[in-house]
């Protein structure tokens, strides 16, 4: 059966649980784009996958739900400056290869999009999936439609690290913590797990506390009106 997401319940839920009671137009736009793509292209997909996809975008975009450049800078030059400064200060100990500095063609392979696509090899790998030459035009990863496709298709296929959603969220197990390996090892894995579970609850109105009581009350009122 194709999935259908109760958008009102979803947005009402995440507004309170994850966005401190307020949603901007941009946040709604970003989440709507993700929901639309998943409903259309993954009609039999696991809602836990969608929840973890949303959690990943939530974290990687600093809650904006918009395609962003690494460090949230408004230009490559500014982002490179910020990253260079942080690297020199020893604040990026996990970085083994300085990937953000311009190559011989003057292009930077810093993080972009909803999932922070980095390194030239990943831009090359995602080009066939998006239908665009992301090596020739890396900034296309900042376009919403392209960013959504990279985020969802990449996590489903395991394009980023070799881990895919089905490895951690399937009929036999529900490992929200190790699902972080799909994108970025175990960095902030516990936090991402909580985000994922919260998004999952927002995608399942039937599991919400009091749902049956509300439905029962509605039915009783409807019957009373008919009588």
N, C-alpha and C. Protein backbone atom coordinates (compact mmCIF):
# COMPACT_ATOMS: atom_id res chain seq x y z
N UNK A 1 0.85 -1.20 0.00
CA UNK A 1 0.00 0.00 0.00
C UNK A 1 0.88 1.25 0.00
N UNK A 2 0.59 2.18 -0.88
CA UNK A 2 1.37 3.40 -0.98
C UNK A 2 1.20 4.22 0.31
N UNK A 3 2.26 4.87 0.71
CA UNK A 3 2.19 5.66 1.94
C UNK A 3 1.48 6.98 1.68
N UNK A 4 0.80 7.45 2.70
CA UNK A 4 0.17 8.76 2.64
C UNK A 4 0.44 9.44 3.98
N UNK A 5 1.05 10.60 3.92
CA UNK A 5 1.45 11.29 5.15
C UNK A 5 0.41 12.34 5.51
N UNK A 6 -0.04 12.29 6.74
CA UNK A 6 -0.98 13.29 7.26
C UNK A 6 -0.17 14.55 7.53
N UNK A 7 -0.19 15.47 6.58
CA UNK A 7 0.68 16.65 6.67
C UNK A 7 0.34 17.53 7.87
N UNK A 8 -0.95 17.70 8.14
CA UNK A 8 -1.32 18.57 9.27
C UNK A 8 -0.77 18.00 10.57
N UNK A 9 -0.99 16.72 10.79
CA UNK A 9 -0.49 16.10 12.01
C UNK A 9 1.03 16.19 12.07
N UNK A 10 1.67 15.93 10.94
CA UNK A 10 3.13 15.97 10.89
C UNK A 10 3.66 17.34 11.29
N UNK A 11 3.18 18.37 10.63
CA UNK A 11 3.72 19.71 10.90
C UNK A 11 3.34 20.20 12.29
N UNK A 12 2.13 19.89 12.75
CA UNK A 12 1.76 20.26 14.12
C UNK A 12 2.68 19.59 15.13
N UNK A 13 3.02 18.34 14.86
CA UNK A 13 3.86 17.58 15.79
C UNK A 13 5.29 18.10 15.83
N UNK A 14 5.92 18.26 14.65
CA UNK A 14 7.32 18.66 14.66
C UNK A 14 7.49 20.12 15.08
N UNK A 15 6.46 20.92 14.83
CA UNK A 15 6.54 22.32 15.27
C UNK A 15 6.80 22.38 16.78
N UNK A 16 6.09 21.55 17.53
CA UNK A 16 6.23 21.58 18.98
C UNK A 16 7.42 20.76 19.48
N UNK A 17 7.67 19.62 18.84
CA UNK A 17 8.68 18.71 19.37
C UNK A 17 10.10 19.04 18.95
N UNK A 18 10.28 19.68 17.78
CA UNK A 18 11.62 19.91 17.27
C UNK A 18 11.94 21.37 16.93
N UNK A 19 10.91 22.18 16.68
CA UNK A 19 11.15 23.54 16.21
C UNK A 19 10.69 24.62 17.20
N UNK A 20 10.58 24.26 18.45
CA UNK A 20 10.31 25.22 19.53
C UNK A 20 9.05 26.05 19.30
N UNK A 21 8.04 25.41 18.69
CA UNK A 21 6.74 26.05 18.57
C UNK A 21 6.53 26.93 17.36
N UNK A 22 7.56 27.07 16.52
CA UNK A 22 7.44 27.95 15.35
C UNK A 22 8.12 27.32 14.14
N UNK A 23 7.44 27.38 12.99
CA UNK A 23 8.01 26.91 11.74
C UNK A 23 8.06 28.07 10.74
N UNK A 24 9.20 28.27 10.13
CA UNK A 24 9.31 29.30 9.10
C UNK A 24 8.82 28.74 7.77
N UNK A 25 8.56 29.63 6.82
CA UNK A 25 8.16 29.20 5.49
C UNK A 25 9.24 28.32 4.87
N UNK A 26 10.50 28.68 5.10
CA UNK A 26 11.62 27.92 4.53
C UNK A 26 11.69 26.51 5.12
N UNK A 27 11.45 26.37 6.41
CA UNK A 27 11.47 25.05 7.03
C UNK A 27 10.33 24.18 6.50
N UNK A 28 9.16 24.77 6.36
CA UNK A 28 8.02 24.03 5.79
C UNK A 28 8.32 23.64 4.35
N UNK A 29 8.88 24.57 3.58
CA UNK A 29 9.21 24.28 2.18
C UNK A 29 10.17 23.10 2.07
N UNK A 30 11.22 23.11 2.89
CA UNK A 30 12.20 22.04 2.84
C UNK A 30 11.62 20.69 3.21
N UNK A 31 10.87 20.64 4.30
CA UNK A 31 10.28 19.36 4.70
C UNK A 31 9.23 18.90 3.71
N UNK A 32 8.47 19.81 3.13
CA UNK A 32 7.47 19.44 2.13
C UNK A 32 8.14 18.82 0.92
N UNK A 33 9.27 19.38 0.50
CA UNK A 33 9.99 18.83 -0.65
C UNK A 33 10.46 17.40 -0.38
N UNK A 34 10.92 17.15 0.84
CA UNK A 34 11.36 15.80 1.21
C UNK A 34 10.18 14.84 1.26
N UNK A 35 9.08 15.27 1.89
CA UNK A 35 7.89 14.42 1.97
C UNK A 35 7.35 14.11 0.58
N UNK A 36 7.27 15.13 -0.27
CA UNK A 36 6.75 14.95 -1.63
C UNK A 36 7.58 13.94 -2.41
N UNK A 37 8.90 14.08 -2.33
CA UNK A 37 9.77 13.18 -3.09
C UNK A 37 9.63 11.75 -2.59
N UNK A 38 9.59 11.58 -1.28
CA UNK A 38 9.50 10.23 -0.72
C UNK A 38 8.17 9.59 -1.08
N UNK A 39 7.08 10.33 -0.96
CA UNK A 39 5.77 9.78 -1.30
C UNK A 39 5.70 9.38 -2.77
N UNK A 40 6.31 10.19 -3.63
CA UNK A 40 6.23 9.95 -5.07
C UNK A 40 7.18 8.85 -5.53
N UNK A 41 8.41 8.86 -5.02
CA UNK A 41 9.44 7.95 -5.53
C UNK A 41 9.68 6.73 -4.66
N UNK A 42 9.19 6.75 -3.43
CA UNK A 42 9.35 5.61 -2.53
C UNK A 42 7.98 5.22 -1.97
N UNK A 43 7.00 4.93 -2.83
CA UNK A 43 5.63 4.72 -2.35
C UNK A 43 5.48 3.55 -1.38
N UNK A 44 6.40 2.59 -1.45
CA UNK A 44 6.35 1.46 -0.52
C UNK A 44 7.48 1.54 0.50
N UNK A 45 8.06 2.73 0.63
CA UNK A 45 9.19 2.90 1.53
C UNK A 45 8.81 2.80 3.00
N UNK A 46 9.80 2.53 3.81
CA UNK A 46 9.64 2.41 5.25
C UNK A 46 9.59 3.82 5.85
N UNK A 47 8.58 4.10 6.65
CA UNK A 47 8.47 5.42 7.26
C UNK A 47 9.64 5.73 8.20
N UNK A 48 10.28 4.70 8.71
CA UNK A 48 11.46 4.92 9.55
C UNK A 48 12.60 5.50 8.70
N UNK A 49 12.66 5.08 7.44
CA UNK A 49 13.67 5.65 6.53
C UNK A 49 13.41 7.14 6.35
N UNK A 50 12.16 7.47 6.08
CA UNK A 50 11.81 8.88 5.89
C UNK A 50 12.13 9.68 7.15
N UNK A 51 11.83 9.11 8.30
CA UNK A 51 12.10 9.79 9.57
C UNK A 51 13.60 10.07 9.73
N UNK A 52 14.43 9.08 9.38
CA UNK A 52 15.87 9.29 9.55
C UNK A 52 16.42 10.23 8.48
N UNK A 53 15.83 10.22 7.31
CA UNK A 53 16.20 11.19 6.27
C UNK A 53 15.91 12.60 6.75
N UNK A 54 14.74 12.81 7.30
CA UNK A 54 14.38 14.12 7.85
C UNK A 54 15.31 14.52 8.99
N UNK A 55 15.63 13.56 9.84
CA UNK A 55 16.53 13.84 10.96
C UNK A 55 17.91 14.26 10.47
N UNK A 56 18.37 13.62 9.41
CA UNK A 56 19.67 13.95 8.84
C UNK A 56 19.67 15.37 8.29
N UNK A 57 18.63 15.72 7.53
CA UNK A 57 18.52 17.07 6.99
C UNK A 57 18.41 18.10 8.12
N UNK A 58 17.65 17.78 9.14
CA UNK A 58 17.48 18.65 10.30
C UNK A 58 18.83 18.99 10.92
N UNK A 59 19.65 17.97 11.11
CA UNK A 59 20.96 18.16 11.72
C UNK A 59 21.95 18.84 10.78
N UNK A 60 22.03 18.34 9.55
CA UNK A 60 23.07 18.81 8.63
C UNK A 60 22.83 20.23 8.15
N UNK A 61 21.61 20.72 8.22
CA UNK A 61 21.32 22.09 7.78
C UNK A 61 21.16 23.05 8.95
N UNK A 62 21.54 22.61 10.13
CA UNK A 62 21.38 23.44 11.33
C UNK A 62 19.93 23.86 11.51
N UNK A 63 19.02 22.90 11.27
CA UNK A 63 17.57 23.03 11.50
C UNK A 63 16.85 23.91 10.48
N UNK A 64 17.56 24.42 9.48
CA UNK A 64 16.92 25.30 8.50
C UNK A 64 16.06 24.55 7.50
N UNK A 65 16.38 23.28 7.27
CA UNK A 65 15.70 22.43 6.28
C UNK A 65 15.84 23.01 4.87
N UNK A 66 16.88 23.78 4.67
CA UNK A 66 17.21 24.34 3.36
C UNK A 66 18.61 23.89 2.95
N UNK A 67 18.85 23.71 1.64
CA UNK A 67 20.22 23.39 1.21
C UNK A 67 21.17 24.50 1.66
N UNK A 68 22.22 24.12 2.35
CA UNK A 68 23.17 25.11 2.87
C UNK A 68 24.59 24.74 2.47
N UNK A 69 25.43 25.74 2.53
CA UNK A 69 26.87 25.55 2.31
C UNK A 69 27.51 25.28 3.67
N UNK A 70 28.50 24.44 3.70
CA UNK A 70 29.19 24.12 4.95
C UNK A 70 29.60 25.40 5.67
N UNK A 71 29.42 25.41 6.96
CA UNK A 71 29.64 26.54 7.88
C UNK A 71 28.50 27.57 7.79
N UNK A 72 27.52 27.33 6.90
CA UNK A 72 26.40 28.24 6.68
C UNK A 72 26.83 29.57 6.07
N UNK A 73 28.03 29.61 5.50
CA UNK A 73 28.52 30.82 4.85
C UNK A 73 27.73 31.09 3.57
N UNK A 74 27.72 32.35 3.14
CA UNK A 74 26.96 32.71 1.94
C UNK A 74 27.80 32.66 0.66
N UNK A 75 29.05 32.21 0.78
CA UNK A 75 29.89 32.05 -0.40
C UNK A 75 30.94 30.98 -0.14
N UNK A 76 31.47 30.40 -1.22
CA UNK A 76 32.54 29.41 -1.06
C UNK A 76 33.75 30.04 -0.39
N UNK A 77 34.10 31.26 -0.81
CA UNK A 77 35.29 31.92 -0.28
C UNK A 77 35.21 32.10 1.24
N UNK A 78 34.04 32.51 1.72
CA UNK A 78 33.86 32.70 3.15
C UNK A 78 33.90 31.36 3.89
N UNK A 79 33.28 30.34 3.31
CA UNK A 79 33.28 29.02 3.93
C UNK A 79 34.70 28.47 4.01
N UNK A 80 35.48 28.65 2.95
CA UNK A 80 36.87 28.18 2.94
C UNK A 80 37.68 28.89 4.02
N UNK A 81 37.46 30.18 4.15
CA UNK A 81 38.16 30.96 5.18
C UNK A 81 37.83 30.44 6.58
N UNK A 82 36.55 30.16 6.83
CA UNK A 82 36.12 29.67 8.14
C UNK A 82 36.71 28.28 8.41
N UNK A 83 36.68 27.42 7.41
CA UNK A 83 37.20 26.06 7.57
C UNK A 83 38.71 26.07 7.76
N UNK A 84 39.42 26.91 7.01
CA UNK A 84 40.87 27.00 7.17
C UNK A 84 41.23 27.44 8.58
N UNK A 85 40.50 28.42 9.09
CA UNK A 85 40.78 28.95 10.42
C UNK A 85 40.53 27.88 11.49
N UNK A 86 39.42 27.16 11.34
CA UNK A 86 39.09 26.10 12.30
C UNK A 86 40.11 24.97 12.24
N UNK A 87 40.54 24.61 11.04
CA UNK A 87 41.51 23.53 10.87
C UNK A 87 42.86 23.91 11.48
N UNK A 88 43.28 25.15 11.25
CA UNK A 88 44.55 25.62 11.80
C UNK A 88 44.53 25.65 13.33
N UNK A 89 43.35 25.87 13.88
CA UNK A 89 43.22 25.93 15.34
C UNK A 89 43.02 24.55 15.96
N UNK A 90 43.06 23.52 15.13
CA UNK A 90 42.91 22.15 15.64
C UNK A 90 41.50 21.78 16.02
N UNK A 91 40.52 22.50 15.45
CA UNK A 91 39.12 22.24 15.80
C UNK A 91 38.44 21.22 14.90
N UNK A 92 39.19 20.69 13.93
CA UNK A 92 38.62 19.69 13.03
C UNK A 92 39.51 18.43 13.04
N UNK A 93 39.66 17.80 14.20
CA UNK A 93 40.59 16.67 14.32
C UNK A 93 40.22 15.45 13.47
N UNK A 94 38.97 15.36 13.07
CA UNK A 94 38.52 14.22 12.28
C UNK A 94 38.86 14.36 10.80
N UNK A 95 39.27 15.53 10.37
CA UNK A 95 39.55 15.77 8.96
C UNK A 95 40.92 15.18 8.60
N UNK A 96 40.92 14.21 7.69
CA UNK A 96 42.17 13.59 7.25
C UNK A 96 42.69 14.21 5.96
N UNK A 97 41.77 14.70 5.15
CA UNK A 97 42.13 15.36 3.89
C UNK A 97 41.44 16.70 3.83
N UNK A 98 42.21 17.75 3.58
CA UNK A 98 41.62 19.09 3.49
C UNK A 98 40.91 19.19 2.13
N UNK A 99 39.61 18.96 2.16
CA UNK A 99 38.82 18.82 0.93
C UNK A 99 38.23 20.12 0.41
N UNK A 100 38.28 21.17 1.21
CA UNK A 100 37.54 22.38 0.85
C UNK A 100 38.36 23.39 0.04
N UNK A 101 39.67 23.25 0.03
CA UNK A 101 40.47 24.23 -0.70
C UNK A 101 40.32 24.05 -2.21
N UNK A 102 40.28 25.14 -2.95
CA UNK A 102 40.07 25.06 -4.41
C UNK A 102 41.10 24.17 -5.09
N UNK A 103 40.63 23.37 -6.06
CA UNK A 103 41.54 22.51 -6.82
C UNK A 103 42.14 23.29 -7.99
N UNK A 104 42.79 22.57 -8.90
CA UNK A 104 43.45 23.24 -10.01
C UNK A 104 42.49 23.97 -10.94
N UNK A 105 41.20 23.60 -10.86
CA UNK A 105 40.18 24.28 -11.66
C UNK A 105 39.48 25.40 -10.87
N UNK A 106 39.93 25.60 -9.65
CA UNK A 106 39.35 26.65 -8.82
C UNK A 106 38.05 26.27 -8.14
N UNK A 107 37.73 24.98 -8.12
CA UNK A 107 36.48 24.52 -7.52
C UNK A 107 36.73 23.93 -6.14
N UNK A 108 35.82 24.22 -5.24
CA UNK A 108 35.91 23.69 -3.88
C UNK A 108 34.90 22.57 -3.71
N UNK A 109 35.33 21.52 -3.02
CA UNK A 109 34.44 20.37 -2.79
C UNK A 109 34.00 20.32 -1.33
N UNK A 110 33.68 21.50 -0.82
CA UNK A 110 33.15 21.60 0.54
C UNK A 110 31.71 21.10 0.58
N UNK A 111 31.17 20.99 1.78
CA UNK A 111 29.82 20.45 1.94
C UNK A 111 28.74 21.38 1.40
N UNK A 112 27.80 20.79 0.68
CA UNK A 112 26.66 21.56 0.15
C UNK A 112 25.41 20.70 0.23
N UNK A 113 24.27 21.40 0.31
CA UNK A 113 22.98 20.72 0.20
C UNK A 113 22.31 20.42 1.52
N UNK A 114 21.48 19.39 1.51
CA UNK A 114 20.74 18.97 2.70
C UNK A 114 21.50 17.90 3.48
N UNK A 115 22.52 17.32 2.85
CA UNK A 115 23.27 16.25 3.50
C UNK A 115 24.76 16.56 3.53
N UNK A 116 25.16 17.77 3.11
CA UNK A 116 26.56 18.18 3.11
C UNK A 116 27.44 17.24 2.29
N UNK A 117 27.22 17.28 0.99
CA UNK A 117 28.01 16.49 0.05
C UNK A 117 29.41 17.06 -0.03
N UNK A 118 30.42 16.24 0.28
CA UNK A 118 31.81 16.71 0.26
C UNK A 118 32.66 15.79 -0.61
N UNK A 119 33.85 16.27 -0.97
CA UNK A 119 34.85 15.55 -1.76
C UNK A 119 34.39 15.39 -3.22
N UNK A 120 35.31 15.61 -4.13
CA UNK A 120 35.01 15.54 -5.55
C UNK A 120 34.44 14.19 -5.95
N UNK A 121 34.98 13.10 -5.36
CA UNK A 121 34.51 11.76 -5.73
C UNK A 121 33.03 11.59 -5.46
N UNK A 122 32.50 12.25 -4.41
CA UNK A 122 31.09 12.14 -4.11
C UNK A 122 30.24 12.97 -5.07
N UNK A 123 30.76 14.10 -5.50
CA UNK A 123 30.06 14.87 -6.53
C UNK A 123 30.01 14.07 -7.83
N UNK A 124 31.09 13.37 -8.13
CA UNK A 124 31.12 12.52 -9.32
C UNK A 124 30.10 11.39 -9.20
N UNK A 125 30.07 10.75 -8.02
CA UNK A 125 29.18 9.61 -7.81
C UNK A 125 27.71 10.00 -7.87
N UNK A 126 27.37 11.20 -7.41
CA UNK A 126 25.98 11.62 -7.37
C UNK A 126 25.50 12.23 -8.69
N UNK A 127 26.41 12.51 -9.60
CA UNK A 127 26.02 13.12 -10.87
C UNK A 127 25.04 12.25 -11.67
N UNK A 128 25.30 10.95 -11.88
CA UNK A 128 24.33 10.13 -12.62
C UNK A 128 22.98 10.04 -11.92
N UNK A 129 22.99 10.06 -10.61
CA UNK A 129 21.75 9.94 -9.85
C UNK A 129 20.87 11.19 -10.00
N UNK A 130 21.52 12.33 -10.13
CA UNK A 130 20.75 13.58 -10.24
C UNK A 130 20.46 13.97 -11.68
N UNK A 131 21.26 13.43 -12.61
CA UNK A 131 21.09 13.81 -14.00
C UNK A 131 21.84 15.08 -14.36
N UNK A 132 22.64 15.60 -13.40
CA UNK A 132 23.43 16.80 -13.63
C UNK A 132 24.91 16.48 -13.46
N UNK A 133 25.75 17.20 -14.17
CA UNK A 133 27.18 17.07 -13.98
C UNK A 133 27.58 17.96 -12.80
N UNK A 134 27.56 17.37 -11.62
CA UNK A 134 27.86 18.13 -10.40
C UNK A 134 29.33 18.50 -10.29
N UNK A 135 30.17 17.83 -11.05
CA UNK A 135 31.58 18.21 -11.06
C UNK A 135 31.75 19.52 -11.83
N UNK A 136 31.02 19.64 -12.94
CA UNK A 136 31.07 20.87 -13.71
C UNK A 136 30.36 22.01 -12.98
N UNK A 137 29.27 21.65 -12.27
CA UNK A 137 28.47 22.66 -11.58
C UNK A 137 28.16 22.23 -10.14
N UNK A 138 29.15 22.26 -9.28
CA UNK A 138 28.91 21.79 -7.90
C UNK A 138 27.82 22.55 -7.15
N UNK A 139 27.60 23.81 -7.51
CA UNK A 139 26.58 24.60 -6.81
C UNK A 139 25.17 24.11 -7.09
N UNK A 140 25.00 23.22 -8.06
CA UNK A 140 23.66 22.67 -8.30
C UNK A 140 23.20 21.83 -7.11
N UNK A 141 24.14 21.39 -6.29
CA UNK A 141 23.80 20.66 -5.06
C UNK A 141 23.10 21.55 -4.07
N UNK A 142 23.09 22.86 -4.32
CA UNK A 142 22.40 23.81 -3.45
C UNK A 142 20.97 24.06 -3.90
N UNK A 143 20.56 23.49 -5.03
CA UNK A 143 19.18 23.63 -5.50
C UNK A 143 18.31 22.63 -4.76
N UNK A 144 17.13 23.05 -4.34
CA UNK A 144 16.28 22.20 -3.50
C UNK A 144 16.01 20.84 -4.14
N UNK A 145 15.55 20.82 -5.38
CA UNK A 145 15.19 19.54 -6.02
C UNK A 145 16.38 18.60 -6.10
N UNK A 146 17.54 19.15 -6.44
CA UNK A 146 18.76 18.33 -6.53
C UNK A 146 19.20 17.87 -5.16
N UNK A 147 19.15 18.76 -4.19
CA UNK A 147 19.56 18.43 -2.82
C UNK A 147 18.69 17.34 -2.22
N UNK A 148 17.39 17.40 -2.49
CA UNK A 148 16.47 16.38 -1.97
C UNK A 148 16.79 15.02 -2.60
N UNK A 149 17.04 15.03 -3.88
CA UNK A 149 17.35 13.76 -4.56
C UNK A 149 18.65 13.16 -4.03
N UNK A 150 19.67 13.99 -3.86
CA UNK A 150 20.94 13.51 -3.32
C UNK A 150 20.72 12.92 -1.92
N UNK A 151 20.01 13.64 -1.09
CA UNK A 151 19.74 13.21 0.29
C UNK A 151 19.04 11.85 0.32
N UNK A 152 17.92 11.74 -0.37
CA UNK A 152 17.10 10.54 -0.27
C UNK A 152 17.70 9.37 -1.04
N UNK A 153 18.01 9.57 -2.30
CA UNK A 153 18.54 8.47 -3.10
C UNK A 153 19.89 8.01 -2.56
N UNK A 154 20.70 8.96 -2.10
CA UNK A 154 22.01 8.61 -1.56
C UNK A 154 21.91 7.76 -0.30
N UNK A 155 20.97 8.10 0.58
CA UNK A 155 20.82 7.33 1.82
C UNK A 155 20.18 5.98 1.57
N UNK A 156 19.28 5.90 0.61
CA UNK A 156 18.66 4.61 0.29
C UNK A 156 19.66 3.68 -0.38
N UNK A 157 20.48 4.22 -1.27
CA UNK A 157 21.43 3.39 -2.02
C UNK A 157 22.73 3.13 -1.27
N UNK A 158 23.01 3.90 -0.23
CA UNK A 158 24.27 3.75 0.48
C UNK A 158 25.43 4.40 -0.25
N UNK A 159 25.15 5.50 -0.93
CA UNK A 159 26.15 6.14 -1.79
C UNK A 159 27.25 6.86 -1.02
N UNK A 160 27.02 7.24 0.22
CA UNK A 160 27.96 8.10 0.93
C UNK A 160 29.07 7.31 1.63
N UNK A 161 28.71 6.27 2.35
CA UNK A 161 29.71 5.51 3.12
C UNK A 161 29.67 4.01 2.86
N UNK A 162 28.71 3.58 2.06
CA UNK A 162 28.51 2.14 1.86
C UNK A 162 27.40 1.59 2.73
N UNK A 163 27.07 2.30 3.81
CA UNK A 163 25.92 1.93 4.64
C UNK A 163 24.67 2.54 4.03
N UNK A 164 23.58 1.79 4.05
CA UNK A 164 22.30 2.30 3.54
C UNK A 164 21.22 2.12 4.59
N UNK A 165 20.10 2.80 4.36
CA UNK A 165 19.01 2.77 5.35
C UNK A 165 18.56 1.36 5.68
N UNK A 166 18.47 0.50 4.69
CA UNK A 166 17.99 -0.86 4.92
C UNK A 166 18.93 -1.68 5.78
N UNK A 167 20.17 -1.25 5.92
CA UNK A 167 21.11 -1.97 6.77
C UNK A 167 20.77 -1.82 8.25
N UNK A 168 20.15 -0.72 8.61
CA UNK A 168 19.93 -0.41 10.03
C UNK A 168 18.46 -0.32 10.42
N UNK A 169 17.59 -0.11 9.44
CA UNK A 169 16.15 -0.03 9.71
C UNK A 169 15.45 -0.98 8.76
N UNK A 170 15.15 -2.16 9.26
CA UNK A 170 14.55 -3.20 8.42
C UNK A 170 13.58 -4.04 9.24
N UNK A 171 13.11 -5.13 8.68
CA UNK A 171 12.11 -5.95 9.38
C UNK A 171 12.68 -6.66 10.60
N UNK A 172 14.01 -6.80 10.65
CA UNK A 172 14.64 -7.54 11.75
C UNK A 172 15.22 -6.65 12.84
N UNK A 173 15.52 -5.42 12.50
CA UNK A 173 16.12 -4.56 13.52
C UNK A 173 15.78 -3.09 13.28
N UNK A 174 15.93 -2.33 14.34
CA UNK A 174 15.66 -0.90 14.31
C UNK A 174 16.77 -0.22 15.08
N UNK A 175 17.87 0.02 14.37
CA UNK A 175 19.07 0.57 15.01
C UNK A 175 19.22 2.03 14.61
N UNK A 176 18.55 2.91 15.36
CA UNK A 176 18.58 4.33 15.06
C UNK A 176 19.96 4.94 15.28
N UNK A 177 20.72 4.39 16.21
CA UNK A 177 22.04 4.96 16.52
C UNK A 177 23.03 4.69 15.38
N UNK A 178 23.15 3.43 14.99
CA UNK A 178 24.11 3.10 13.94
C UNK A 178 23.66 3.53 12.55
N UNK A 179 22.42 3.98 12.43
CA UNK A 179 21.98 4.54 11.14
C UNK A 179 22.81 5.77 10.77
N UNK A 180 23.44 6.38 11.74
CA UNK A 180 24.29 7.54 11.47
C UNK A 180 25.45 7.18 10.54
N UNK A 181 25.84 5.91 10.53
CA UNK A 181 26.93 5.45 9.68
C UNK A 181 26.62 5.62 8.19
N UNK A 182 25.37 5.82 7.87
CA UNK A 182 24.98 6.03 6.47
C UNK A 182 25.61 7.30 5.92
N UNK A 183 25.83 8.27 6.79
CA UNK A 183 26.33 9.58 6.35
C UNK A 183 27.68 9.93 6.97
N UNK A 184 27.83 9.72 8.28
CA UNK A 184 29.01 10.29 8.94
C UNK A 184 29.44 9.50 10.16
N UNK A 185 29.81 8.26 9.96
CA UNK A 185 30.34 7.46 11.07
C UNK A 185 29.40 7.42 12.25
N UNK A 186 29.92 7.79 13.42
CA UNK A 186 29.08 7.80 14.62
C UNK A 186 28.98 9.21 15.21
N UNK A 187 29.35 10.22 14.43
CA UNK A 187 29.29 11.60 14.91
C UNK A 187 27.87 12.00 15.29
N UNK A 188 27.67 12.39 16.53
CA UNK A 188 26.37 12.81 17.06
C UNK A 188 25.29 11.73 16.85
N UNK A 189 25.70 10.49 16.88
CA UNK A 189 24.78 9.39 16.57
C UNK A 189 23.58 9.32 17.52
N UNK A 190 23.82 9.52 18.80
CA UNK A 190 22.73 9.45 19.77
C UNK A 190 21.72 10.58 19.53
N UNK A 191 22.23 11.76 19.26
CA UNK A 191 21.37 12.91 19.01
C UNK A 191 20.52 12.68 17.75
N UNK A 192 21.17 12.18 16.69
CA UNK A 192 20.43 11.90 15.45
C UNK A 192 19.37 10.82 15.67
N UNK A 193 19.68 9.86 16.52
CA UNK A 193 18.71 8.81 16.82
C UNK A 193 17.45 9.40 17.44
N UNK A 194 17.62 10.33 18.36
CA UNK A 194 16.47 10.96 19.01
C UNK A 194 15.68 11.79 18.01
N UNK A 195 16.37 12.51 17.14
CA UNK A 195 15.67 13.26 16.10
C UNK A 195 14.86 12.31 15.22
N UNK A 196 15.48 11.20 14.84
CA UNK A 196 14.80 10.24 13.98
C UNK A 196 13.53 9.70 14.61
N UNK A 197 13.62 9.33 15.87
CA UNK A 197 12.45 8.79 16.57
C UNK A 197 11.34 9.85 16.68
N UNK A 198 11.75 11.09 16.88
CA UNK A 198 10.76 12.17 17.00
C UNK A 198 10.05 12.40 15.67
N UNK A 199 10.80 12.42 14.59
CA UNK A 199 10.18 12.55 13.26
C UNK A 199 9.28 11.34 12.97
N UNK A 200 9.71 10.17 13.39
CA UNK A 200 8.91 8.96 13.16
C UNK A 200 7.55 9.06 13.85
N UNK A 201 7.56 9.56 15.07
CA UNK A 201 6.30 9.74 15.79
C UNK A 201 5.38 10.70 15.06
N UNK A 202 5.97 11.73 14.44
CA UNK A 202 5.17 12.72 13.72
C UNK A 202 4.60 12.17 12.42
N UNK A 203 5.17 11.09 11.94
CA UNK A 203 4.69 10.47 10.70
C UNK A 203 3.62 9.41 10.96
N UNK A 204 3.30 9.16 12.24
CA UNK A 204 2.37 8.09 12.60
C UNK A 204 1.28 8.59 13.54
N UNK A 205 0.32 9.31 13.00
CA UNK A 205 -0.75 9.85 13.86
C UNK A 205 -1.52 8.76 14.59
N UNK A 206 -1.59 7.57 13.98
CA UNK A 206 -2.35 6.49 14.62
C UNK A 206 -1.70 6.00 15.90
N UNK A 207 -0.42 6.29 16.07
CA UNK A 207 0.29 5.85 17.27
C UNK A 207 0.35 6.92 18.35
N UNK A 208 -0.18 8.09 18.06
CA UNK A 208 -0.10 9.19 19.02
C UNK A 208 -0.99 8.92 20.23
N UNK A 209 -0.53 9.31 21.42
CA UNK A 209 -1.35 9.13 22.62
C UNK A 209 -2.70 9.82 22.46
N UNK A 210 -3.76 9.12 22.82
CA UNK A 210 -5.09 9.71 22.77
C UNK A 210 -5.76 9.64 21.41
N UNK A 211 -5.09 9.04 20.42
CA UNK A 211 -5.68 9.00 19.08
C UNK A 211 -7.01 8.24 19.08
N UNK A 212 -7.03 7.08 19.73
CA UNK A 212 -8.26 6.28 19.75
C UNK A 212 -9.37 7.01 20.49
N UNK A 213 -9.01 7.67 21.58
CA UNK A 213 -10.02 8.39 22.35
C UNK A 213 -10.62 9.53 21.52
N UNK A 214 -9.77 10.24 20.77
CA UNK A 214 -10.28 11.32 19.93
C UNK A 214 -11.17 10.78 18.82
N UNK A 215 -10.76 9.67 18.22
CA UNK A 215 -11.55 9.07 17.15
C UNK A 215 -12.88 8.56 17.69
N UNK A 216 -12.85 7.95 18.87
CA UNK A 216 -14.08 7.45 19.47
C UNK A 216 -15.05 8.60 19.75
N UNK A 217 -14.52 9.70 20.27
CA UNK A 217 -15.36 10.86 20.55
C UNK A 217 -15.98 11.42 19.28
N UNK A 218 -15.19 11.48 18.22
CA UNK A 218 -15.70 11.98 16.94
C UNK A 218 -16.81 11.09 16.41
N UNK A 219 -16.62 9.78 16.50
CA UNK A 219 -17.64 8.83 16.03
C UNK A 219 -18.93 8.96 16.85
N UNK A 220 -18.78 9.11 18.15
CA UNK A 220 -19.96 9.24 19.01
C UNK A 220 -20.75 10.50 18.66
N UNK A 221 -20.02 11.59 18.41
CA UNK A 221 -20.70 12.84 18.03
C UNK A 221 -21.38 12.73 16.68
N UNK A 222 -20.70 12.03 15.75
CA UNK A 222 -21.29 11.85 14.43
C UNK A 222 -22.56 11.01 14.50
N UNK A 223 -22.52 9.95 15.30
CA UNK A 223 -23.70 9.09 15.45
C UNK A 223 -24.84 9.85 16.10
N UNK A 224 -24.50 10.68 17.10
CA UNK A 224 -25.53 11.47 17.78
C UNK A 224 -26.20 12.45 16.81
N UNK A 225 -25.43 13.04 15.92
CA UNK A 225 -26.00 13.97 14.94
C UNK A 225 -26.92 13.25 13.97
N UNK A 226 -26.51 12.06 13.58
CA UNK A 226 -27.35 11.27 12.65
C UNK A 226 -28.64 10.83 13.30
N UNK A 227 -28.57 10.57 14.62
CA UNK A 227 -29.76 10.11 15.33
C UNK A 227 -30.72 11.23 15.60
